Amino acid sequence: MEHRKNNQKMMKILVTGALGQLGSELVTGLREEYGVDSVIPTDIRPDEQPNFEVLDVLDKKAMERLIVKHGVTQIYHLAAMLSARGEEMPSKAWRLNIDSLVSVLELAEKHKLDRIYWPSSIAVFGPTSPKENTPQDCIMDPNTIYGISKLSGERLCEYVFNKFDVDVRSLRYPGLIGYKALPGGGTTDYAVDIYHKAKGEGKFSCFLTADTYLPMMYMDDAVRATISLMKAPKENIKVRTSYNISAISFSPAEQAASIKKMIPEFDITYNPDSRQQIAESWPSSIDDSAARRDWGWKEEYDLDKMTEIMLENIETPVSH
């Protein structure tokens, strides 16, 4: 136990995109695991939390200064532009998602960092990828700039591991659902917004059809999976692109039915827009047997358990 504490004292984790939907909860999880002083959250916007640093991830020199200043040993590189927003500004999305990753990987090699975490997404799959129980390895033909950047990033991560032995690890997240931050411009974000609208207005207009199935995960499971992956021994990590990971798959109609168990008067309507086409190119369910085999992944939350937690904890109704 004493040895473990000493290791934790030496660990310094830099988190980019720390104010985002995933980052805000992952920082909390990392601090619970390793202590407040071991985690340096960064974002392009300022914040008042301990050790926080303002960082534009496209400024490689600024990132390097923070690595040196804090004696950083690991980076969780979460800063990215998500799917729906990326379609509105593809050039900017590509630069943010890829150029920043290149900088992180180069700095990791230069400064001999212990481990790097970089998130991928189910967006790496495309129209001709298998839709049901999508395997770890299959045809991947993403048709959004977000998906293309994530697939490119996966190959880059595998390359720098094989070429330079940079220990970079990754998960292909499904849609992530949590109550601590607002949606960030992703196609799966309806599944977060629906809870805010249900509690605030009692009704919701969904931009996907009633029967559109997508893989989803409650945020606590995502945080636990991420930390578990990063704690696993190096020799256990057999996939160096990105691990498939899943918990639950459901449709908007099934989610609405789950909400009605707690808010019987809740009403949902369906008005599919351009995001429907994106959703239809993605898997409806995921085979994550490699993650379960290699480092013991197992989810803890189902749809009804997640719905109960979301509706109990959302405080301020959000109107757009």
C-alpha atoms as a PDB file:
ATOM      1  CA  MET A   1       0.000   0.000   0.000  1.00  0.00           C
ATOM      2  CA  GLU A   2       2.805   2.414   0.838  1.00  0.00           C
ATOM      3  CA  HIS A   3       4.471   1.683  -2.494  1.00  0.00           C
ATOM      4  CA  ARG A   4       1.197   2.430  -4.287  1.00  0.00           C
ATOM      5  CA  LYS A   5       0.887   5.752  -2.484  1.00  0.00           C
ATOM      6  CA  ASN A   6       4.406   6.739  -3.474  1.00  0.00           C
ATOM      7  CA  ASN A   7       3.666   5.931  -7.112  1.00  0.00           C
ATOM      8  CA  GLN A   8       0.549   8.051  -6.959  1.00  0.00           C
ATOM      9  CA  LYS A   9       2.472  10.994  -5.532  1.00  0.00           C
ATOM     10  CA  MET A  10       4.841  10.888  -8.494  1.00  0.00           C
ATOM     11  CA  MET A  11       2.059  10.654 -11.066  1.00  0.00           C
ATOM     12  CA  LYS A  12       1.094  13.911 -12.795  1.00  0.00           C
ATOM     13  CA  ILE A  13      -1.811  13.709 -15.211  1.00  0.00           C
ATOM     14  CA  LEU A  14      -2.542  16.475 -17.733  1.00  0.00           C
ATOM     15  CA  VAL A  15      -6.138  16.442 -19.015  1.00  0.00           C
ATOM     16  CA  THR A  16      -7.043  18.421 -22.142  1.00  0.00           C
ATOM     17  CA  GLY A  17     -10.669  19.317 -22.853  1.00  0.00           C
ATOM     18  CA  ALA A  18     -11.274  19.074 -19.117  1.00  0.00           C
ATOM     19  CA  LEU A  19     -14.451  21.182 -19.172  1.00  0.00           C
ATOM     20  CA  GLY A  20     -16.203  18.983 -21.739  1.00  0.00           C
ATOM     21  CA  GLN A  21     -18.895  16.386 -21.111  1.00  0.00           C
ATOM     22  CA  LEU A  22     -16.384  13.568 -20.568  1.00  0.00           C
ATOM     23  CA  GLY A  23     -13.534  15.691 -19.218  1.00  0.00           C
ATOM     24  CA  SER A  24     -15.511  17.235 -16.369  1.00  0.00           C
ATOM     25  CA  GLU A  25     -16.382  13.796 -14.984  1.00  0.00           C
ATOM     26  CA  LEU A  26     -13.097  12.083 -15.799  1.00  0.00           C
ATOM     27  CA  VAL A  27     -11.149  14.748 -13.875  1.00  0.00           C
ATOM     28  CA  THR A  28     -13.295  13.974 -10.826  1.00  0.00           C
ATOM     29  CA  GLY A  29     -12.661  10.254 -11.249  1.00  0.00           C
ATOM     30  CA  LEU A  30      -8.918  10.709 -11.657  1.00  0.00           C
ATOM     31  CA  ARG A  31      -8.737  12.926  -8.576  1.00  0.00           C
ATOM     32  CA  GLU A  32     -10.619  10.345  -6.544  1.00  0.00           C
ATOM     33  CA  GLU A  33      -8.158   7.702  -7.740  1.00  0.00           C
ATOM     34  CA  TYR A  34      -4.862   9.617  -7.566  1.00  0.00           C
ATOM     35  CA  GLY A  35      -5.488  12.779  -5.522  1.00  0.00           C
ATOM     36  CA  VAL A  36      -6.274  16.392  -6.463  1.00  0.00           C
ATOM     37  CA  ASP A  37      -2.625  17.418  -6.757  1.00  0.00           C
ATOM     38  CA  SER A  38      -1.884  14.679  -9.298  1.00  0.00           C
ATOM     39  CA  VAL A  39      -4.355  15.998 -11.896  1.00  0.00           C
ATOM     40  CA  ILE A  40      -3.866  19.147 -14.011  1.00  0.00           C
ATOM     41  CA  PRO A  41      -7.092  19.952 -15.894  1.00  0.00           C
ATOM     42  CA  THR A  42      -6.779  22.203 -18.962  1.00  0.00           C
ATOM     43  CA  ASP A  43      -9.192  23.756 -21.413  1.00  0.00           C
ATOM     44  CA  ILE A  44      -9.304  26.692 -23.783  1.00  0.00           C
ATOM     45  CA  ARG A  45     -11.722  28.398 -21.348  1.00  0.00           C
ATOM     46  CA  PRO A  46     -10.654  29.381 -17.812  1.00  0.00           C
ATOM     47  CA  ASP A  47     -11.987  27.689 -14.690  1.00  0.00           C
ATOM     48  CA  GLU A  48     -11.559  28.057 -10.932  1.00  0.00           C
ATOM     49  CA  GLN A  49     -10.786  24.446  -9.975  1.00  0.00           C
ATOM     50  CA  PRO A  50      -7.434  23.442  -8.405  1.00  0.00           C
ATOM     51  CA  ASN A  51      -4.346  23.255 -10.652  1.00  0.00           C
ATOM     52  CA  PHE A  52      -6.363  24.414 -13.679  1.00  0.00           C
ATOM     53  CA  GLU A  53      -4.432  25.756 -16.665  1.00  0.00           C
ATOM     54  CA  VAL A  54      -5.776  27.497 -19.771  1.00  0.00           C
ATOM     55  CA  LEU A  55      -4.498  25.678 -22.863  1.00  0.00           C
ATOM     56  CA  ASP A  56      -5.177  25.861 -26.585  1.00  0.00           C
ATOM     57  CA  VAL A  57      -4.221  22.329 -27.664  1.00  0.00           C
ATOM     58  CA  LEU A  58      -3.184  23.628 -31.075  1.00  0.00           C
ATOM     59  CA  ASP A  59      -0.386  25.569 -29.342  1.00  0.00           C
ATOM     60  CA  LYS A  60       2.258  22.847 -29.058  1.00  0.00           C
ATOM     61  CA  LYS A  61       4.790  25.076 -27.297  1.00  0.00           C
ATOM     62  CA  ALA A  62       2.264  26.021 -24.627  1.00  0.00           C
ATOM     63  CA  MET A  63       1.464  22.352 -24.093  1.00  0.00           C
ATOM     64  CA  GLU A  64       5.143  21.538 -23.748  1.00  0.00           C
ATOM     65  CA  ARG A  65       5.596  24.309 -21.173  1.00  0.00           C
ATOM     66  CA  LEU A  66       2.848  22.758 -19.036  1.00  0.00           C
ATOM     67  CA  ILE A  67       4.412  19.288 -19.342  1.00  0.00           C
ATOM     68  CA  VAL A  68       7.723  20.662 -18.076  1.00  0.00           C
ATOM     69  CA  LYS A  69       6.183  22.970 -15.454  1.00  0.00           C
ATOM     70  CA  HIS A  70       4.145  20.225 -13.781  1.00  0.00           C
ATOM     71  CA  GLY A  71       6.439  17.245 -14.415  1.00  0.00           C
ATOM     72  CA  VAL A  72       3.632  15.560 -16.362  1.00  0.00           C
ATOM     73  CA  THR A  73       3.844  11.754 -16.636  1.00  0.00           C
ATOM     74  CA  GLN A  74       0.530  11.023 -18.398  1.00  0.00           C
ATOM     75  CA  ILE A  75      -1.799  12.898 -20.735  1.00  0.00           C
ATOM     76  CA  TYR A  76      -5.507  12.262 -21.212  1.00  0.00           C
ATOM     77  CA  HIS A  77      -6.093  14.089 -24.494  1.00  0.00           C
ATOM     78  CA  LEU A  78      -9.853  14.659 -24.676  1.00  0.00           C
ATOM     79  CA  ALA A  79     -10.067  17.943 -26.611  1.00  0.00           C
ATOM     80  CA  ALA A  80     -11.978  17.378 -29.857  1.00  0.00           C
ATOM     81  CA  MET A  81     -14.799  18.612 -32.058  1.00  0.00           C
ATOM     82  CA  LEU A  82     -17.682  16.140 -32.132  1.00  0.00           C
ATOM     83  CA  SER A  83     -19.692  14.720 -35.019  1.00  0.00           C
ATOM     84  CA  ALA A  84     -22.597  17.084 -35.670  1.00  0.00           C
ATOM     85  CA  ARG A  85     -20.565  20.241 -35.043  1.00  0.00           C
ATOM     86  CA  GLY A  86     -17.689  18.869 -37.095  1.00  0.00           C
ATOM     87  CA  GLU A  87     -19.932  18.650 -40.169  1.00  0.00           C
ATOM     88  CA  GLU A  88     -20.522  22.396 -39.895  1.00  0.00           C
ATOM     89  CA  MET A  89     -16.796  23.233 -39.892  1.00  0.00           C
ATOM     90  CA  PRO A  90     -14.844  20.225 -41.225  1.00  0.00           C
ATOM     91  CA  SER A  91     -11.479  21.971 -41.702  1.00  0.00           C
ATOM     92  CA  LYS A  92     -11.451  23.243 -38.144  1.00  0.00           C
ATOM     93  CA  ALA A  93     -12.554  19.835 -36.839  1.00  0.00           C
ATOM     94  CA  TRP A  94      -9.714  18.093 -38.682  1.00  0.00           C
ATOM     95  CA  ARG A  95      -7.097  20.508 -37.338  1.00  0.00           C
ATOM     96  CA  LEU A  96      -8.335  20.281 -33.779  1.00  0.00           C
ATOM     97  CA  ASN A  97      -8.772  16.510 -33.770  1.00  0.00           C
ATOM     98  CA  ILE A  98      -5.605  15.508 -35.645  1.00  0.00           C
ATOM     99  CA  ASP A  99      -3.019  18.278 -35.289  1.00  0.00           C
ATOM    100  CA  SER A 100      -3.412  18.317 -31.511  1.00  0.00           C
ATOM    101  CA  LEU A 101      -3.040  14.525 -31.335  1.00  0.00           C
ATOM    102  CA  VAL A 102       0.164  14.696 -33.377  1.00  0.00           C
ATOM    103  CA  SER A 103       1.538  17.259 -30.918  1.00  0.00           C
ATOM    104  CA  VAL A 104       0.630  15.109 -27.906  1.00  0.00           C
ATOM    105  CA  LEU A 105       2.264  12.024 -29.394  1.00  0.00           C
ATOM    106  CA  GLU A 106       5.426  13.904 -30.375  1.00  0.00           C
ATOM    107  CA  LEU A 107       5.714  15.452 -26.921  1.00  0.00           C
ATOM    108  CA  ALA A 108       5.068  12.073 -25.297  1.00  0.00           C
ATOM    109  CA  GLU A 109       8.015  10.601 -27.156  1.00  0.00           C
ATOM    110  CA  LYS A 110      10.257  13.611 -26.534  1.00  0.00           C
ATOM    111  CA  HIS A 111       9.580  13.777 -22.786  1.00  0.00           C
ATOM    112  CA  LYS A 112       9.322   9.994 -22.278  1.00  0.00           C
ATOM    113  CA  LEU A 113       5.832  10.181 -20.807  1.00  0.00           C
ATOM    114  CA  ASP A 114       4.530   7.070 -19.089  1.00  0.00           C
ATOM    115  CA  ARG A 115       1.154   6.695 -20.828  1.00  0.00           C
ATOM    116  CA  ILE A 116      -1.191   8.589 -23.147  1.00  0.00           C
ATOM    117  CA  TYR A 117      -4.968   8.254 -23.328  1.00  0.00           C
ATOM    118  CA  TRP A 118      -6.847   9.348 -26.439  1.00  0.00           C
ATOM    119  CA  PRO A 119     -10.546   8.649 -27.013  1.00  0.00           C
ATOM    120  CA  SER A 120     -11.916   7.263 -30.244  1.00  0.00           C
ATOM    121  CA  SER A 121     -15.579   6.680 -31.086  1.00  0.00           C
ATOM    122  CA  ILE A 122     -18.101   4.414 -32.780  1.00  0.00           C
ATOM    123  CA  ALA A 123     -17.995   7.106 -35.478  1.00  0.00           C
ATOM    124  CA  VAL A 124     -15.008   5.226 -36.980  1.00  0.00           C
ATOM    125  CA  PHE A 125     -17.533   2.761 -38.416  1.00  0.00           C
ATOM    126  CA  GLY A 126     -19.489   3.593 -41.543  1.00  0.00           C
ATOM    127  CA  PRO A 127     -22.316   2.599 -43.883  1.00  0.00           C
ATOM    128  CA  THR A 128     -20.836  -0.778 -44.857  1.00  0.00           C
ATOM    129  CA  SER A 129     -19.568  -1.736 -41.394  1.00  0.00           C
ATOM    130  CA  PRO A 130     -21.617  -4.525 -39.756  1.00  0.00           C
ATOM    131  CA  LYS A 131     -24.453  -2.882 -37.805  1.00  0.00           C
ATOM    132  CA  GLU A 132     -25.288  -5.611 -35.279  1.00  0.00           C
ATOM    133  CA  ASN A 133     -22.684  -6.644 -32.725  1.00  0.00           C
ATOM    134  CA  THR A 134     -20.047  -4.691 -34.673  1.00  0.00           C
ATOM    135  CA  PRO A 135     -16.730  -6.538 -34.245  1.00  0.00           C
ATOM    136  CA  GLN A 136     -13.408  -5.110 -33.085  1.00  0.00           C
ATOM    137  CA  ASP A 137     -11.926  -5.530 -36.559  1.00  0.00           C
ATOM    138  CA  CYS A 138     -14.099  -5.000 -39.618  1.00  0.00           C
ATOM    139  CA  ILE A 139     -14.667  -2.686 -42.582  1.00  0.00           C
ATOM    140  CA  MET A 140     -14.423   0.905 -41.373  1.00  0.00           C
ATOM    141  CA  ASP A 141     -15.580   3.566 -43.829  1.00  0.00           C
ATOM    142  CA  PRO A 142     -16.639   6.613 -41.793  1.00  0.00           C
ATOM    143  CA  ASN A 143     -18.468   9.330 -43.710  1.00  0.00           C
ATOM    144  CA  THR A 144     -18.196  12.225 -41.235  1.00  0.00           C
ATOM    145  CA  ILE A 145     -15.100  14.345 -40.698  1.00  0.00           C
ATOM    146  CA  TYR A 146     -15.277  13.374 -37.009  1.00  0.00           C
ATOM    147  CA  GLY A 147     -15.230   9.675 -37.853  1.00  0.00           C
ATOM    148  CA  ILE A 148     -12.501  10.111 -40.452  1.00  0.00           C
ATOM    149  CA  SER A 149     -10.343  11.997 -37.944  1.00  0.00           C
ATOM    150  CA  LYS A 150     -10.913   9.333 -35.290  1.00  0.00           C
ATOM    151  CA  LEU A 151     -10.014   6.491 -37.652  1.00  0.00           C
ATOM    152  CA  SER A 152      -6.889   8.379 -38.735  1.00  0.00           C
ATOM    153  CA  GLY A 153      -6.029   8.972 -35.088  1.00  0.00           C
ATOM    154  CA  GLU A 154      -6.394   5.278 -34.285  1.00  0.00           C
ATOM    155  CA  ARG A 155      -3.912   4.329 -37.002  1.00  0.00           C
ATOM    156  CA  LEU A 156      -1.563   7.049 -35.822  1.00  0.00           C
ATOM    157  CA  CYS A 157      -1.699   5.807 -32.220  1.00  0.00           C
ATOM    158  CA  GLU A 158      -0.924   2.258 -33.302  1.00  0.00           C
ATOM    159  CA  TYR A 159       1.925   3.530 -35.495  1.00  0.00           C
ATOM    160  CA  VAL A 160       3.667   5.515 -32.742  1.00  0.00           C
ATOM    161  CA  PHE A 161       3.338   2.592 -30.342  1.00  0.00           C
ATOM    162  CA  ASN A 162       4.936   0.193 -32.834  1.00  0.00           C
ATOM    163  CA  LYS A 163       7.532   2.673 -34.101  1.00  0.00           C
ATOM    164  CA  PHE A 164       8.468   4.638 -30.964  1.00  0.00           C
ATOM    165  CA  ASP A 165       7.019   2.535 -28.098  1.00  0.00           C
ATOM    166  CA  VAL A 166       4.768   5.388 -26.932  1.00  0.00           C
ATOM    167  CA  ASP A 167       2.244   3.660 -24.664  1.00  0.00           C
ATOM    168  CA  VAL A 168      -0.940   5.219 -26.040  1.00  0.00           C
ATOM    169  CA  ARG A 169      -4.299   3.630 -25.219  1.00  0.00           C
ATOM    170  CA  SER A 170      -7.778   4.260 -26.534  1.00  0.00           C
ATOM    171  CA  LEU A 171     -11.468   3.367 -26.272  1.00  0.00           C
ATOM    172  CA  ARG A 172     -14.112   3.659 -28.982  1.00  0.00           C
ATOM    173  CA  TYR A 173     -16.801   5.330 -26.919  1.00  0.00           C
ATOM    174  CA  PRO A 174     -20.469   4.866 -27.708  1.00  0.00           C
ATOM    175  CA  GLY A 175     -22.834   7.729 -26.870  1.00  0.00           C
ATOM    176  CA  LEU A 176     -21.986   8.992 -23.360  1.00  0.00           C
ATOM    177  CA  ILE A 177     -24.736  10.082 -20.998  1.00  0.00           C
ATOM    178  CA  GLY A 178     -24.153  12.116 -17.849  1.00  0.00           C
ATOM    179  CA  TYR A 179     -25.814  14.935 -15.908  1.00  0.00           C
ATOM    180  CA  LYS A 180     -22.839  17.081 -14.891  1.00  0.00           C
ATOM    181  CA  ALA A 181     -22.233  18.815 -18.242  1.00  0.00           C
ATOM    182  CA  LEU A 182     -24.422  19.794 -21.187  1.00  0.00           C
ATOM    183  CA  PRO A 183     -24.285  18.017 -24.563  1.00  0.00           C
ATOM    184  CA  GLY A 184     -21.323  18.964 -26.748  1.00  0.00           C
ATOM    185  CA  GLY A 185     -22.526  18.718 -30.345  1.00  0.00           C
ATOM    186  CA  GLY A 186     -22.601  14.964 -30.925  1.00  0.00           C
ATOM    187  CA  THR A 187     -25.185  12.889 -32.765  1.00  0.00           C
ATOM    188  CA  THR A 188     -25.895  10.797 -29.658  1.00  0.00           C
ATOM    189  CA  ASP A 189     -26.500  13.910 -27.543  1.00  0.00           C
ATOM    190  CA  TYR A 190     -30.267  13.593 -27.919  1.00  0.00           C
ATOM    191  CA  ALA A 191     -29.974  10.901 -25.237  1.00  0.00           C
ATOM    192  CA  VAL A 192     -28.679  13.506 -22.767  1.00  0.00           C
ATOM    193  CA  ASP A 193     -30.914  16.391 -23.820  1.00  0.00           C
ATOM    194  CA  ILE A 194     -34.050  14.239 -23.521  1.00  0.00           C
ATOM    195  CA  TYR A 195     -33.594  14.058 -19.738  1.00  0.00           C
ATOM    196  CA  HIS A 196     -33.191  17.823 -19.407  1.00  0.00           C
ATOM    197  CA  LYS A 197     -36.321  18.435 -21.477  1.00  0.00           C
ATOM    198  CA  ALA A 198     -38.291  15.728 -19.693  1.00  0.00           C
ATOM    199  CA  LYS A 199     -37.600  17.286 -16.319  1.00  0.00           C
ATOM    200  CA  GLY A 200     -37.866  20.908 -17.453  1.00  0.00           C
ATOM    201  CA  GLU A 201     -40.675  20.898 -20.013  1.00  0.00           C
ATOM    202  CA  GLY A 202     -42.234  17.457 -19.899  1.00  0.00           C
ATOM    203  CA  LYS A 203     -41.769  17.008 -23.644  1.00  0.00           C
ATOM    204  CA  PHE A 204     -39.003  16.458 -26.185  1.00  0.00           C
ATOM    205  CA  SER A 205     -38.594  16.736 -29.941  1.00  0.00           C
ATOM    206  CA  CYS A 206     -36.099  14.103 -31.081  1.00  0.00           C
ATOM    207  CA  PHE A 207     -33.891  14.604 -34.161  1.00  0.00           C
ATOM    208  CA  LEU A 208     -33.731  10.823 -34.720  1.00  0.00           C
ATOM    209  CA  THR A 209     -36.515   8.379 -35.584  1.00  0.00           C
ATOM    210  CA  ALA A 210     -38.221   6.396 -32.824  1.00  0.00           C
ATOM    211  CA  ASP A 211     -36.533   3.100 -33.753  1.00  0.00           C
ATOM    212  CA  THR A 212     -32.925   4.305 -34.258  1.00  0.00           C
ATOM    213  CA  TYR A 213     -30.764   2.051 -32.094  1.00  0.00           C
ATOM    214  CA  LEU A 214     -27.350   3.319 -30.982  1.00  0.00           C
ATOM    215  CA  PRO A 215     -24.828   2.020 -28.423  1.00  0.00           C
ATOM    216  CA  MET A 216     -24.790   4.130 -25.263  1.00  0.00           C
ATOM    217  CA  MET A 217     -23.030   4.240 -21.905  1.00  0.00           C
ATOM    218  CA  TYR A 218     -23.650   5.993 -18.599  1.00  0.00           C
ATOM    219  CA  MET A 219     -20.813   8.349 -17.764  1.00  0.00           C
ATOM    220  CA  ASP A 220     -19.738   6.567 -14.580  1.00  0.00           C
ATOM    221  CA  ASP A 221     -19.130   3.417 -16.621  1.00  0.00           C
ATOM    222  CA  ALA A 222     -17.123   5.428 -19.175  1.00  0.00           C
ATOM    223  CA  VAL A 223     -14.924   6.978 -16.486  1.00  0.00           C
ATOM    224  CA  ARG A 224     -14.375   3.618 -14.799  1.00  0.00           C
ATOM    225  CA  ALA A 225     -13.539   1.964 -18.127  1.00  0.00           C
ATOM    226  CA  THR A 226     -11.041   4.697 -19.014  1.00  0.00           C
ATOM    227  CA  ILE A 227      -9.196   4.538 -15.701  1.00  0.00           C
ATOM    228  CA  SER A 228      -9.241   0.719 -15.745  1.00  0.00           C
ATOM    229  CA  LEU A 229      -7.712   0.666 -19.222  1.00  0.00           C
ATOM    230  CA  MET A 230      -4.956   3.066 -18.159  1.00  0.00           C
ATOM    231  CA  LYS A 231      -4.186   1.093 -14.980  1.00  0.00           C
ATOM    232  CA  ALA A 232      -3.905  -2.238 -16.813  1.00  0.00           C
ATOM    233  CA  PRO A 233      -0.397  -3.703 -17.258  1.00  0.00           C
ATOM    234  CA  LYS A 234       1.162  -2.787 -20.583  1.00  0.00           C
ATOM    235  CA  GLU A 235       1.374  -6.426 -21.668  1.00  0.00           C
ATOM    236  CA  ASN A 236      -2.410  -6.806 -21.279  1.00  0.00           C
ATOM    237  CA  ILE A 237      -3.151  -4.149 -23.887  1.00  0.00           C
ATOM    238  CA  LYS A 238      -3.384  -6.158 -27.104  1.00  0.00           C
ATOM    239  CA  VAL A 239      -5.307  -3.585 -29.179  1.00  0.00           C
ATOM    240  CA  ARG A 240      -3.252  -0.519 -30.057  1.00  0.00           C
ATOM    241  CA  THR A 241      -5.745   1.187 -32.348  1.00  0.00           C
ATOM    242  CA  SER A 242      -8.753   1.510 -30.009  1.00  0.00           C
ATOM    243  CA  TYR A 243     -10.889  -0.925 -28.042  1.00  0.00           C
ATOM    244  CA  ASN A 244     -14.550  -1.453 -28.820  1.00  0.00           C
ATOM    245  CA  ILE A 245     -16.478  -0.795 -25.628  1.00  0.00           C
ATOM    246  CA  SER A 246     -20.186  -0.969 -24.933  1.00  0.00           C
ATOM    247  CA  ALA A 247     -22.772  -1.108 -22.168  1.00  0.00           C
ATOM    248  CA  ILE A 248     -26.339  -0.677 -23.474  1.00  0.00           C
ATOM    249  CA  SER A 249     -28.084  -0.110 -26.804  1.00  0.00           C
ATOM    250  CA  PHE A 250     -31.536   1.460 -27.056  1.00  0.00           C
ATOM    251  CA  SER A 251     -33.797   3.542 -29.295  1.00  0.00           C
ATOM    252  CA  PRO A 252     -35.338   6.951 -28.510  1.00  0.00           C
ATOM    253  CA  ALA A 253     -38.698   5.202 -28.059  1.00  0.00           C
ATOM    254  CA  GLU A 254     -37.244   2.827 -25.480  1.00  0.00           C
ATOM    255  CA  GLN A 255     -35.572   5.698 -23.658  1.00  0.00           C
ATOM    256  CA  ALA A 256     -38.847   7.632 -23.635  1.00  0.00           C
ATOM    257  CA  ALA A 257     -40.617   4.578 -22.183  1.00  0.00           C
ATOM    258  CA  SER A 258     -37.982   4.412 -19.448  1.00  0.00           C
ATOM    259  CA  ILE A 259     -38.554   8.107 -18.643  1.00  0.00           C
ATOM    260  CA  LYS A 260     -42.347   7.603 -18.517  1.00  0.00           C
ATOM    261  CA  LYS A 261     -41.879   5.157 -15.645  1.00  0.00           C
ATOM    262  CA  MET A 262     -40.848   8.188 -13.575  1.00  0.00           C
ATOM    263  CA  ILE A 263     -42.644  10.996 -15.456  1.00  0.00           C
ATOM    264  CA  PRO A 264     -45.851   9.402 -16.819  1.00  0.00           C
ATOM    265  CA  GLU A 265     -46.978  12.579 -18.591  1.00  0.00           C
ATOM    266  CA  PHE A 266     -43.740  12.877 -20.623  1.00  0.00           C
ATOM    267  CA  ASP A 267     -44.367  13.305 -24.353  1.00  0.00           C
ATOM    268  CA  ILE A 268     -41.916  12.738 -27.222  1.00  0.00           C
ATOM    269  CA  THR A 269     -42.216  13.679 -30.894  1.00  0.00           C
ATOM    270  CA  TYR A 270     -39.873  12.783 -33.757  1.00  0.00           C
ATOM    271  CA  ASN A 271     -38.489  15.232 -36.302  1.00  0.00           C
ATOM    272  CA  PRO A 272     -35.433  13.598 -37.935  1.00  0.00           C
ATOM    273  CA  ASP A 273     -32.841  15.966 -39.390  1.00  0.00           C
ATOM    274  CA  SER A 274     -29.356  15.624 -40.921  1.00  0.00           C
ATOM    275  CA  ARG A 275     -28.137  13.786 -37.828  1.00  0.00           C
ATOM    276  CA  GLN A 276     -30.378  10.835 -38.728  1.00  0.00           C
ATOM    277  CA  GLN A 277     -28.118  10.058 -41.678  1.00  0.00           C
ATOM    278  CA  ILE A 278     -25.068  10.104 -39.409  1.00  0.00           C
ATOM    279  CA  ALA A 279     -26.761   7.787 -36.913  1.00  0.00           C
ATOM    280  CA  GLU A 280     -27.749   5.339 -39.653  1.00  0.00           C
ATOM    281  CA  SER A 281     -24.085   4.958 -40.645  1.00  0.00           C
ATOM    282  CA  TRP A 282     -23.131   3.877 -37.111  1.00  0.00           C
ATOM    283  CA  PRO A 283     -23.522   0.523 -35.327  1.00  0.00           C
ATOM    284  CA  SER A 284     -26.687  -0.343 -33.408  1.00  0.00           C
ATOM    285  CA  SER A 285     -24.758  -2.622 -31.044  1.00  0.00           C
ATOM    286  CA  ILE A 286     -21.074  -3.339 -30.327  1.00  0.00           C
ATOM    287  CA  ASP A 287     -18.999  -6.468 -29.693  1.00  0.00           C
ATOM    288  CA  ASP A 288     -16.539  -5.490 -26.976  1.00  0.00           C
ATOM    289  CA  SER A 289     -15.289  -8.981 -26.124  1.00  0.00           C
ATOM    290  CA  ALA A 290     -11.643  -7.928 -26.625  1.00  0.00           C
ATOM    291  CA  ALA A 291     -11.905  -5.330 -23.824  1.00  0.00           C
ATOM    292  CA  ARG A 292     -13.622  -7.847 -21.559  1.00  0.00           C
ATOM    293  CA  ARG A 293     -10.934 -10.441 -22.262  1.00  0.00           C
ATOM    294  CA  ASP A 294      -7.812  -8.262 -22.128  1.00  0.00           C
ATOM    295  CA  TRP A 295      -8.440  -6.061 -19.097  1.00  0.00           C
ATOM    296  CA  GLY A 296     -11.691  -7.208 -17.527  1.00  0.00           C
ATOM    297  CA  TRP A 297     -14.206  -4.618 -18.724  1.00  0.00           C
ATOM    298  CA  LYS A 298     -17.791  -4.965 -17.464  1.00  0.00           C
ATOM    299  CA  GLU A 299     -20.549  -2.354 -17.371  1.00  0.00           C
ATOM    300  CA  GLU A 300     -22.642  -1.612 -14.249  1.00  0.00           C
ATOM    301  CA  TYR A 301     -25.565   0.504 -15.537  1.00  0.00           C
ATOM    302  CA  ASP A 302     -28.626  -0.446 -17.599  1.00  0.00           C
ATOM    303  CA  LEU A 303     -31.186   1.934 -19.132  1.00  0.00           C
ATOM    304  CA  ASP A 304     -33.627   2.159 -16.213  1.00  0.00           C
ATOM    305  CA  LYS A 305     -30.876   2.572 -13.617  1.00  0.00           C
ATOM    306  CA  MET A 306     -29.311   5.353 -15.714  1.00  0.00           C
ATOM    307  CA  THR A 307     -32.703   7.071 -16.240  1.00  0.00           C
ATOM    308  CA  GLU A 308     -33.379   7.098 -12.516  1.00  0.00           C
ATOM    309  CA  ILE A 309     -29.991   8.681 -11.742  1.00  0.00           C
ATOM    310  CA  MET A 310     -30.270  11.257 -14.537  1.00  0.00           C
ATOM    311  CA  LEU A 311     -33.750  12.457 -13.563  1.00  0.00           C
ATOM    312  CA  GLU A 312     -32.842  12.611  -9.875  1.00  0.00           C
ATOM    313  CA  ASN A 313     -29.690  14.661 -10.452  1.00  0.00           C
ATOM    314  CA  ILE A 314     -30.487  17.136 -13.243  1.00  0.00           C
ATOM    315  CA  GLU A 315     -31.027  20.378 -11.395  1.00  0.00           C
ATOM    316  CA  THR A 316     -31.601  23.182 -13.871  1.00  0.00           C
ATOM    317  CA  PRO A 317     -33.977  22.677 -16.786  1.00  0.00           C
ATOM    318  CA  VAL A 318     -32.305  23.653 -20.044  1.00  0.00           C
ATOM    319  CA  SER A 319     -34.180  25.426 -22.819  1.00  0.00           C
ATOM    320  CA  HIS A 320     -32.773  26.076 -26.282  1.00  0.00           C
END
